[in-house]
Every structure is written in C-alpha cells, then in structure tokens.
Amino acid sequence: MKLYHGTNVRFLTPKIIRPNRLLDFGTGFYTTTDEKQASDWAKTVAKRTKIGQPLLNIYELDDNYDKQLKIKHFKSPTKEWLDFVCESRMNINFKDDNDLVIGPIANDTTIPTIQLYLNSIQSNPDEKDYFADFAIRLLRADRLKDQFVFKTPKSLKYITTWEIVKL
C-alpha cells in the first residue's frame, strides 16, 4: 500500500518528532493514503512557514504490518475516535500504547465541531453521549480523509521510502 507525507523539508528516513502543537493522534509520523491531501498539506506548510519547498514523500507500507504491530484502527468517526482525538488535542503529553493509529482526520473544517463538542461537555457533562452523537453526525458529513500515524520506532520499520516528488 502506498502512503503519502506532505512536507516542506527533504528527508529520507521518517522520524517521530514531538510536535509543537496538538495533533489528532498525538506524537507520531503522520501519513495518508490520499495523495492530494498530502500534496495540499505540503503546499500549505511551505507557504505558512516560508521555509523549503513543497515535497511529497511516497512510502510503501509492508504487507505484514498488521501482524507485527499493536494497531488502533478507527474505521469511521465514532465516540471512541472523538474521545481519542479530543484527548490528543487537549493534552500534549497524551500517550497511548499503540504502534500505529489509523483513522479519520479531524482537519481544519472539523476543528470547530470538535471545539463545540468539548465546550458542550464541559458545561454539561451529563449530556456527553448526546453531544458526541451530534458531533459525529456533523463530522461524517465532511467525508473525512484517513491518516496512518506511526507512533513507535518499531512501526517505522514497516514503511520504506519509495520516492520524493517536488510539487
């Protein structure tokens, strides 16, 4: 399977770097199966930082990854996914024991929904299930793309650099 990583800095070997911001699935090396999504991100980050140039790193995922790694796979936005994303986005020290987390992306268009959900459960925690159901219905309408987040050095051994493309 091909995976894509959009960036503005050339590198051959993927690394897990502690982020300086809160991300959907916490610390890890983020990839996607959606080439356009990764390309768009590379252009965005290059423009935003005014550093480097947009690059698309293409990786091949070893077919046996799922037999050797501890994987958390969210097939769609669910309450469990929403709680995982919220915990990751609220707590920079959030840790889980997975090697790889796969699931929908909470992108820039979904952040307002997630923030509304967080605000709602903070002011009325007894209605958490109601607010979660509402948020998930809104998020499913966004046709969320996927992300594969490699969270351990062990997991990175299952991807190999195939090509780096200048955009």
N, C-alpha and C. Protein backbone atom coordinates (compact mmCIF):
# COMPACT_ATOMS: atom_id res chain seq x y z
N MET A 1 0.85 -1.17 0.00
CA MET A 1 0.00 0.00 0.00
C MET A 1 0.89 1.23 0.00
N LYS A 2 0.52 2.22 -0.79
CA LYS A 2 1.26 3.48 -0.82
C LYS A 2 0.69 4.44 0.23
N LEU A 3 1.60 5.13 0.91
CA LEU A 3 1.25 6.17 1.86
C LEU A 3 2.00 7.43 1.48
N TYR A 4 1.41 8.57 1.81
CA TYR A 4 1.97 9.86 1.42
C TYR A 4 2.16 10.75 2.65
N HIS A 5 3.22 11.56 2.58
CA HIS A 5 3.51 12.52 3.64
C HIS A 5 3.90 13.83 2.97
N GLY A 6 3.11 14.87 3.18
CA GLY A 6 3.41 16.19 2.63
C GLY A 6 4.31 16.95 3.59
N THR A 7 5.35 17.58 3.04
CA THR A 7 6.30 18.29 3.89
C THR A 7 6.93 19.44 3.12
N ASN A 8 7.72 20.22 3.81
CA ASN A 8 8.48 21.29 3.18
C ASN A 8 9.98 21.12 3.41
N VAL A 9 10.36 20.00 4.02
CA VAL A 9 11.76 19.73 4.34
C VAL A 9 12.12 18.35 3.81
N ARG A 10 13.21 18.27 3.08
CA ARG A 10 13.63 16.99 2.49
C ARG A 10 14.25 16.10 3.56
N PHE A 11 13.81 14.85 3.62
CA PHE A 11 14.42 13.84 4.48
C PHE A 11 14.14 12.48 3.87
N LEU A 12 15.02 11.54 4.07
CA LEU A 12 14.85 10.20 3.51
C LEU A 12 14.24 9.23 4.51
N THR A 13 14.63 9.38 5.78
CA THR A 13 14.18 8.44 6.80
C THR A 13 13.13 9.11 7.69
N PRO A 14 11.93 8.54 7.77
CA PRO A 14 10.90 9.11 8.65
C PRO A 14 11.33 9.02 10.12
N LYS A 15 10.97 10.04 10.87
CA LYS A 15 11.28 10.09 12.30
C LYS A 15 10.05 10.53 13.06
N ILE A 16 9.97 10.06 14.28
CA ILE A 16 8.91 10.50 15.18
C ILE A 16 9.47 11.69 15.96
N ILE A 17 8.88 12.84 15.72
CA ILE A 17 9.32 14.08 16.37
C ILE A 17 8.17 14.60 17.21
N ARG A 18 8.47 14.96 18.43
CA ARG A 18 7.44 15.51 19.31
C ARG A 18 6.91 16.80 18.69
N PRO A 19 5.61 16.88 18.48
CA PRO A 19 5.05 18.07 17.83
C PRO A 19 5.06 19.29 18.74
N ASN A 20 5.02 20.46 18.13
CA ASN A 20 4.93 21.70 18.90
C ASN A 20 3.47 22.17 18.96
N ARG A 21 2.57 21.32 18.49
CA ARG A 21 1.15 21.62 18.56
C ARG A 21 0.40 20.33 18.79
N LEU A 22 -0.85 20.46 19.14
CA LEU A 22 -1.67 19.29 19.45
C LEU A 22 -2.24 18.69 18.17
N LEU A 23 -2.08 17.39 18.00
CA LEU A 23 -2.50 16.70 16.79
C LEU A 23 -3.55 15.63 17.10
N ASP A 24 -4.23 15.17 16.07
CA ASP A 24 -5.33 14.21 16.23
C ASP A 24 -4.98 12.98 17.05
N PHE A 25 -3.84 12.36 16.73
CA PHE A 25 -3.48 11.11 17.38
C PHE A 25 -2.18 11.23 18.18
N GLY A 26 -1.83 12.44 18.58
CA GLY A 26 -0.65 12.65 19.40
C GLY A 26 0.64 12.59 18.61
N THR A 27 1.72 12.33 19.32
CA THR A 27 3.04 12.27 18.72
C THR A 27 3.13 11.09 17.77
N GLY A 28 3.71 11.33 16.59
CA GLY A 28 3.88 10.25 15.62
C GLY A 28 4.28 10.81 14.28
N PHE A 29 4.51 9.91 13.34
CA PHE A 29 4.82 10.27 11.96
C PHE A 29 3.54 10.07 11.16
N TYR A 30 3.00 11.17 10.64
CA TYR A 30 1.68 11.19 10.01
C TYR A 30 1.77 10.95 8.50
N THR A 31 0.95 10.04 8.00
CA THR A 31 0.85 9.75 6.58
C THR A 31 -0.63 9.57 6.23
N THR A 32 -0.91 9.46 4.94
CA THR A 32 -2.27 9.25 4.46
C THR A 32 -2.23 8.43 3.18
N THR A 33 -3.35 7.82 2.83
CA THR A 33 -3.46 7.13 1.55
C THR A 33 -3.92 8.09 0.46
N ASP A 34 -4.23 9.33 0.82
CA ASP A 34 -4.75 10.31 -0.12
C ASP A 34 -3.64 11.24 -0.60
N GLU A 35 -3.20 11.02 -1.84
CA GLU A 35 -2.09 11.80 -2.40
C GLU A 35 -2.41 13.30 -2.45
N LYS A 36 -3.62 13.65 -2.84
CA LYS A 36 -3.99 15.06 -2.93
C LYS A 36 -3.94 15.74 -1.56
N GLN A 37 -4.43 15.06 -0.56
CA GLN A 37 -4.42 15.61 0.79
C GLN A 37 -2.99 15.91 1.24
N ALA A 38 -2.08 14.97 1.01
CA ALA A 38 -0.67 15.17 1.40
C ALA A 38 -0.04 16.29 0.58
N SER A 39 -0.34 16.34 -0.71
CA SER A 39 0.20 17.40 -1.56
C SER A 39 -0.30 18.77 -1.12
N ASP A 40 -1.58 18.87 -0.84
CA ASP A 40 -2.14 20.14 -0.36
C ASP A 40 -1.49 20.57 0.95
N TRP A 41 -1.25 19.61 1.84
CA TRP A 41 -0.62 19.94 3.12
C TRP A 41 0.80 20.45 2.90
N ALA A 42 1.55 19.80 2.00
CA ALA A 42 2.92 20.24 1.72
C ALA A 42 2.94 21.69 1.24
N LYS A 43 2.01 22.02 0.36
CA LYS A 43 1.93 23.40 -0.15
C LYS A 43 1.55 24.37 0.96
N THR A 44 0.63 23.97 1.81
CA THR A 44 0.19 24.82 2.92
C THR A 44 1.33 25.10 3.89
N VAL A 45 2.04 24.06 4.30
CA VAL A 45 3.10 24.24 5.30
C VAL A 45 4.28 25.02 4.72
N ALA A 46 4.60 24.82 3.45
CA ALA A 46 5.68 25.60 2.83
C ALA A 46 5.31 27.08 2.75
N LYS A 47 4.07 27.34 2.40
CA LYS A 47 3.61 28.72 2.31
C LYS A 47 3.53 29.38 3.69
N ARG A 48 3.01 28.63 4.66
CA ARG A 48 2.84 29.16 6.02
C ARG A 48 4.17 29.46 6.69
N THR A 49 5.14 28.55 6.53
CA THR A 49 6.42 28.72 7.23
C THR A 49 7.45 29.53 6.43
N LYS A 50 7.21 29.64 5.10
CA LYS A 50 8.16 30.32 4.22
C LYS A 50 9.55 29.67 4.28
N ILE A 51 9.54 28.34 4.49
CA ILE A 51 10.78 27.56 4.57
C ILE A 51 10.66 26.41 3.58
N GLY A 52 11.74 26.15 2.86
CA GLY A 52 11.78 24.99 1.97
C GLY A 52 10.81 25.10 0.81
N GLN A 53 10.49 23.95 0.26
CA GLN A 53 9.56 23.87 -0.86
C GLN A 53 8.62 22.69 -0.63
N PRO A 54 7.44 22.71 -1.24
CA PRO A 54 6.51 21.60 -1.06
C PRO A 54 7.06 20.30 -1.65
N LEU A 55 7.06 19.27 -0.84
CA LEU A 55 7.53 17.95 -1.24
C LEU A 55 6.50 16.90 -0.87
N LEU A 56 6.41 15.89 -1.70
CA LEU A 56 5.53 14.76 -1.41
C LEU A 56 6.41 13.53 -1.24
N ASN A 57 6.45 13.01 -0.01
CA ASN A 57 7.18 11.78 0.25
C ASN A 57 6.21 10.63 0.06
N ILE A 58 6.64 9.65 -0.72
CA ILE A 58 5.81 8.48 -1.00
C ILE A 58 6.48 7.27 -0.36
N TYR A 59 5.70 6.51 0.38
CA TYR A 59 6.20 5.34 1.10
C TYR A 59 5.44 4.11 0.69
N GLU A 60 6.08 2.98 0.86
CA GLU A 60 5.43 1.69 0.67
C GLU A 60 5.29 1.06 2.05
N LEU A 61 4.06 0.65 2.37
CA LEU A 61 3.78 0.00 3.66
C LEU A 61 3.88 -1.51 3.47
N ASP A 62 4.70 -2.14 4.27
CA ASP A 62 4.89 -3.60 4.22
C ASP A 62 3.55 -4.30 4.45
N ASP A 63 3.28 -5.31 3.65
CA ASP A 63 2.00 -6.03 3.74
C ASP A 63 1.79 -6.73 5.09
N ASN A 64 2.85 -6.99 5.82
CA ASN A 64 2.74 -7.72 7.09
C ASN A 64 2.67 -6.82 8.32
N TYR A 65 2.49 -5.53 8.11
CA TYR A 65 2.49 -4.60 9.25
C TYR A 65 1.45 -4.96 10.30
N ASP A 66 0.29 -5.40 9.86
CA ASP A 66 -0.80 -5.65 10.80
C ASP A 66 -0.60 -6.91 11.64
N LYS A 67 0.35 -7.73 11.29
CA LYS A 67 0.61 -8.96 12.06
C LYS A 67 1.64 -8.72 13.16
N GLN A 68 2.38 -7.64 13.06
CA GLN A 68 3.50 -7.41 13.97
C GLN A 68 3.33 -6.21 14.91
N LEU A 69 2.36 -5.37 14.65
CA LEU A 69 2.22 -4.13 15.40
C LEU A 69 0.93 -4.09 16.21
N LYS A 70 0.98 -3.35 17.28
CA LYS A 70 -0.25 -3.07 18.03
C LYS A 70 -0.92 -1.88 17.35
N ILE A 71 -2.12 -2.10 16.83
CA ILE A 71 -2.79 -1.11 15.99
C ILE A 71 -4.14 -0.73 16.57
N LYS A 72 -4.40 0.56 16.57
CA LYS A 72 -5.72 1.10 16.90
C LYS A 72 -6.28 1.60 15.58
N HIS A 73 -7.40 1.02 15.12
CA HIS A 73 -7.96 1.39 13.82
C HIS A 73 -9.39 1.88 14.01
N PHE A 74 -9.58 3.17 13.76
CA PHE A 74 -10.91 3.77 13.77
C PHE A 74 -11.39 3.78 12.32
N LYS A 75 -12.36 2.96 12.00
CA LYS A 75 -12.83 2.86 10.61
C LYS A 75 -13.70 4.05 10.20
N SER A 76 -14.27 4.73 11.17
CA SER A 76 -15.11 5.90 10.91
C SER A 76 -15.16 6.74 12.18
N PRO A 77 -15.69 7.95 12.09
CA PRO A 77 -15.84 8.75 13.31
C PRO A 77 -16.84 8.08 14.26
N THR A 78 -16.37 7.73 15.44
CA THR A 78 -17.20 7.11 16.47
C THR A 78 -16.97 7.88 17.77
N LYS A 79 -17.71 7.54 18.80
CA LYS A 79 -17.49 8.18 20.10
C LYS A 79 -16.07 7.91 20.60
N GLU A 80 -15.61 6.68 20.40
CA GLU A 80 -14.25 6.33 20.83
C GLU A 80 -13.21 7.17 20.07
N TRP A 81 -13.39 7.32 18.75
CA TRP A 81 -12.50 8.14 17.95
C TRP A 81 -12.53 9.60 18.43
N LEU A 82 -13.74 10.12 18.65
CA LEU A 82 -13.89 11.50 19.09
C LEU A 82 -13.19 11.73 20.42
N ASP A 83 -13.35 10.82 21.37
CA ASP A 83 -12.68 10.95 22.66
C ASP A 83 -11.16 10.88 22.52
N PHE A 84 -10.68 10.00 21.64
CA PHE A 84 -9.24 9.85 21.40
C PHE A 84 -8.67 11.15 20.82
N VAL A 85 -9.33 11.69 19.81
CA VAL A 85 -8.89 12.94 19.18
C VAL A 85 -8.94 14.09 20.18
N CYS A 86 -10.02 14.18 20.94
CA CYS A 86 -10.13 15.27 21.92
C CYS A 86 -9.04 15.18 22.98
N GLU A 87 -8.78 13.98 23.48
CA GLU A 87 -7.72 13.81 24.48
C GLU A 87 -6.36 14.20 23.89
N SER A 88 -6.11 13.77 22.66
CA SER A 88 -4.84 14.11 22.00
C SER A 88 -4.71 15.60 21.77
N ARG A 89 -5.80 16.25 21.40
CA ARG A 89 -5.76 17.67 21.08
C ARG A 89 -5.80 18.57 22.31
N MET A 90 -6.17 18.01 23.45
CA MET A 90 -6.22 18.81 24.68
C MET A 90 -4.97 18.61 25.55
N ASN A 91 -4.24 17.54 25.33
CA ASN A 91 -3.16 17.18 26.23
C ASN A 91 -1.91 16.81 25.43
N ILE A 92 -0.93 17.70 25.36
CA ILE A 92 0.28 17.44 24.58
C ILE A 92 1.07 16.26 25.12
N ASN A 93 0.83 15.89 26.38
CA ASN A 93 1.51 14.74 26.99
C ASN A 93 0.71 13.45 26.86
N PHE A 94 -0.39 13.48 26.10
CA PHE A 94 -1.22 12.28 25.90
C PHE A 94 -0.37 11.16 25.31
N LYS A 95 -0.48 9.99 25.91
CA LYS A 95 0.25 8.83 25.42
C LYS A 95 -0.71 7.65 25.34
N ASP A 96 -0.50 6.85 24.34
CA ASP A 96 -1.21 5.58 24.26
C ASP A 96 -0.16 4.53 23.93
N ASP A 97 -0.51 3.27 24.00
CA ASP A 97 0.49 2.22 23.82
C ASP A 97 0.43 1.55 22.45
N ASN A 98 -0.12 2.24 21.46
CA ASN A 98 -0.21 1.69 20.12
C ASN A 98 1.04 2.00 19.31
N ASP A 99 1.39 1.08 18.43
CA ASP A 99 2.48 1.32 17.49
C ASP A 99 1.99 2.15 16.31
N LEU A 100 0.73 1.94 15.93
CA LEU A 100 0.15 2.59 14.76
C LEU A 100 -1.31 2.90 15.05
N VAL A 101 -1.72 4.12 14.71
CA VAL A 101 -3.12 4.51 14.83
C VAL A 101 -3.60 4.92 13.44
N ILE A 102 -4.74 4.35 13.04
CA ILE A 102 -5.31 4.61 11.73
C ILE A 102 -6.73 5.13 11.93
N GLY A 103 -7.08 6.18 11.22
CA GLY A 103 -8.44 6.68 11.34
C GLY A 103 -8.66 7.97 10.60
N PRO A 104 -9.88 8.48 10.69
CA PRO A 104 -10.22 9.74 10.02
C PRO A 104 -9.42 10.91 10.58
N ILE A 105 -9.23 11.91 9.73
CA ILE A 105 -8.54 13.14 10.11
C ILE A 105 -9.56 14.16 10.60
N ALA A 106 -9.24 14.79 11.71
CA ALA A 106 -10.01 15.96 12.15
C ALA A 106 -9.30 17.17 11.56
N ASN A 107 -9.69 17.55 10.36
CA ASN A 107 -8.98 18.62 9.65
C ASN A 107 -9.50 20.00 10.06
N ASP A 108 -9.03 21.04 9.38
CA ASP A 108 -9.39 22.41 9.75
C ASP A 108 -10.90 22.66 9.72
N THR A 109 -11.62 21.97 8.84
CA THR A 109 -13.07 22.18 8.78
C THR A 109 -13.78 21.47 9.92
N THR A 110 -13.15 20.48 10.53
CA THR A 110 -13.79 19.74 11.62
C THR A 110 -13.46 20.29 13.00
N ILE A 111 -12.41 21.07 13.10
CA ILE A 111 -12.00 21.59 14.41
C ILE A 111 -13.10 22.38 15.09
N PRO A 112 -13.86 23.23 14.39
CA PRO A 112 -14.95 23.93 15.09
C PRO A 112 -15.98 22.96 15.69
N THR A 113 -16.27 21.86 15.01
CA THR A 113 -17.21 20.88 15.56
C THR A 113 -16.63 20.23 16.81
N ILE A 114 -15.37 19.88 16.77
CA ILE A 114 -14.74 19.27 17.94
C ILE A 114 -14.69 20.27 19.10
N GLN A 115 -14.39 21.53 18.81
CA GLN A 115 -14.36 22.54 19.87
C GLN A 115 -15.74 22.74 20.46
N LEU A 116 -16.76 22.74 19.64
CA LEU A 116 -18.13 22.85 20.12
C LEU A 116 -18.48 21.66 21.03
N TYR A 117 -18.06 20.47 20.62
CA TYR A 117 -18.28 19.27 21.43
C TYR A 117 -17.59 19.41 22.79
N LEU A 118 -16.33 19.83 22.79
CA LEU A 118 -15.59 19.99 24.05
C LEU A 118 -16.25 21.02 24.96
N ASN A 119 -16.63 22.15 24.39
CA ASN A 119 -17.30 23.19 25.18
C ASN A 119 -18.62 22.68 25.76
N SER A 120 -19.35 21.92 24.95
CA SER A 120 -20.65 21.40 25.38
C SER A 120 -20.52 20.41 26.52
N ILE A 121 -19.56 19.50 26.44
CA ILE A 121 -19.44 18.51 27.51
C ILE A 121 -18.83 19.12 28.78
N GLN A 122 -18.06 20.19 28.62
CA GLN A 122 -17.52 20.85 29.81
C GLN A 122 -18.63 21.55 30.58
N SER A 123 -19.58 22.13 29.85
CA SER A 123 -20.66 22.84 30.54
C SER A 123 -21.80 21.91 30.95
N ASN A 124 -21.89 20.74 30.32
CA ASN A 124 -22.97 19.81 30.66
C ASN A 124 -22.49 18.37 30.47
N PRO A 125 -21.63 17.87 31.39
CA PRO A 125 -21.03 16.54 31.22
C PRO A 125 -22.04 15.40 31.22
N ASP A 126 -23.20 15.59 31.82
CA ASP A 126 -24.20 14.53 31.85
C ASP A 126 -24.79 14.24 30.46
N GLU A 127 -24.61 15.16 29.54
CA GLU A 127 -25.15 15.00 28.18
C GLU A 127 -24.07 14.64 27.16
N LYS A 128 -22.96 14.07 27.64
CA LYS A 128 -21.83 13.76 26.76
C LYS A 128 -22.24 12.88 25.57
N ASP A 129 -23.03 11.84 25.81
CA ASP A 129 -23.43 10.95 24.72
C ASP A 129 -24.25 11.69 23.66
N TYR A 130 -25.15 12.55 24.10
CA TYR A 130 -25.96 13.33 23.16
C TYR A 130 -25.07 14.21 22.29
N PHE A 131 -24.15 14.94 22.94
CA PHE A 131 -23.27 15.84 22.19
C PHE A 131 -22.32 15.06 21.28
N ALA A 132 -21.87 13.89 21.72
CA ALA A 132 -20.99 13.06 20.88
C ALA A 132 -21.73 12.60 19.63
N ASP A 133 -22.96 12.12 19.81
CA ASP A 133 -23.76 11.68 18.65
C ASP A 133 -23.96 12.82 17.65
N PHE A 134 -24.25 14.00 18.16
CA PHE A 134 -24.46 15.17 17.31
C PHE A 134 -23.18 15.53 16.55
N ALA A 135 -22.06 15.56 17.27
CA ALA A 135 -20.77 15.91 16.65
C ALA A 135 -20.40 14.89 15.57
N ILE A 136 -20.60 13.62 15.84
CA ILE A 136 -20.26 12.57 14.88
C ILE A 136 -21.11 12.69 13.62
N ARG A 137 -22.39 13.00 13.78
CA ARG A 137 -23.25 13.20 12.60
C ARG A 137 -22.73 14.36 11.75
N LEU A 138 -22.31 15.43 12.39
CA LEU A 138 -21.75 16.57 11.65
C LEU A 138 -20.44 16.19 10.96
N LEU A 139 -19.59 15.45 11.66
CA LEU A 139 -18.29 15.09 11.11
C LEU A 139 -18.39 14.10 9.96
N ARG A 140 -19.32 13.19 10.02
CA ARG A 140 -19.48 12.22 8.92
C ARG A 140 -19.85 12.93 7.63
N ALA A 141 -20.54 14.03 7.73
CA ALA A 141 -20.92 14.78 6.54
C ALA A 141 -19.70 15.38 5.83
N ASP A 142 -18.58 15.50 6.54
CA ASP A 142 -17.37 16.10 5.97
C ASP A 142 -16.57 15.14 5.08
N ARG A 143 -16.98 13.87 5.01
CA ARG A 143 -16.25 12.87 4.22
C ARG A 143 -14.75 12.92 4.55
N LEU A 144 -14.46 12.60 5.78
CA LEU A 144 -13.11 12.73 6.29
C LEU A 144 -12.12 11.80 5.60
N LYS A 145 -10.93 12.30 5.36
CA LYS A 145 -9.84 11.52 4.79
C LYS A 145 -9.20 10.70 5.90
N ASP A 146 -8.26 9.83 5.51
CA ASP A 146 -7.63 8.97 6.51
C ASP A 146 -6.23 9.44 6.88
N GLN A 147 -5.74 8.89 7.98
CA GLN A 147 -4.36 9.11 8.38
C GLN A 147 -3.84 7.84 9.04
N PHE A 148 -2.58 7.55 8.75
CA PHE A 148 -1.85 6.45 9.38
C PHE A 148 -0.76 7.13 10.20
N VAL A 149 -0.79 6.95 11.52
CA VAL A 149 0.18 7.63 12.38
C VAL A 149 1.07 6.57 13.02
N PHE A 150 2.34 6.62 12.63
CA PHE A 150 3.33 5.69 13.15
C PHE A 150 3.87 6.29 14.44
N LYS A 151 3.65 5.58 15.55
CA LYS A 151 3.90 6.16 16.87
C LYS A 151 5.15 5.61 17.56
N THR A 152 5.74 4.57 17.02
CA THR A 152 6.92 3.96 17.65
C THR A 152 8.00 3.70 16.61
N PRO A 153 9.26 3.64 17.04
CA PRO A 153 10.33 3.28 16.09
C PRO A 153 10.06 1.91 15.44
N LYS A 154 9.51 0.99 16.19
CA LYS A 154 9.17 -0.33 15.64
C LYS A 154 8.23 -0.20 14.44
N SER A 155 7.25 0.68 14.53
CA SER A 155 6.27 0.82 13.45
C SER A 155 6.90 1.41 12.19
N LEU A 156 7.89 2.28 12.36
CA LEU A 156 8.54 2.92 11.21
C LEU A 156 9.32 1.90 10.36
N LYS A 157 9.63 0.76 10.92
CA LYS A 157 10.36 -0.27 10.17
C LYS A 157 9.49 -0.89 9.08
N TYR A 158 8.20 -0.62 9.10
CA TYR A 158 7.27 -1.22 8.14
C TYR A 158 6.96 -0.29 6.96
N ILE A 159 7.62 0.88 6.92
CA ILE A 159 7.48 1.73 5.74
C ILE A 159 8.86 2.01 5.15
N THR A 160 8.90 2.01 3.82
CA THR A 160 10.15 2.32 3.13
C THR A 160 9.89 3.46 2.16
N THR A 161 10.86 4.35 2.05
CA THR A 161 10.74 5.48 1.14
C THR A 161 10.76 4.96 -0.30
N TRP A 162 9.79 5.34 -1.04
CA TRP A 162 9.67 4.91 -2.43
C TRP A 162 10.12 6.01 -3.37
N GLU A 163 9.68 7.25 -3.05
CA GLU A 163 10.01 8.38 -3.93
C GLU A 163 9.74 9.68 -3.19
N ILE A 164 10.49 10.73 -3.57
CA ILE A 164 10.24 12.08 -3.07
C ILE A 164 10.02 12.95 -4.29
N VAL A 165 8.86 13.62 -4.34
CA VAL A 165 8.47 14.40 -5.50
C VAL A 165 8.38 15.87 -5.13
N LYS A 166 9.02 16.73 -5.92
CA LYS A 166 8.88 18.18 -5.76
C LYS A 166 7.53 18.58 -6.35
N LEU A 167 6.80 19.39 -5.63
CA LEU A 167 5.48 19.84 -6.11
C LEU A 167 5.56 21.21 -6.74
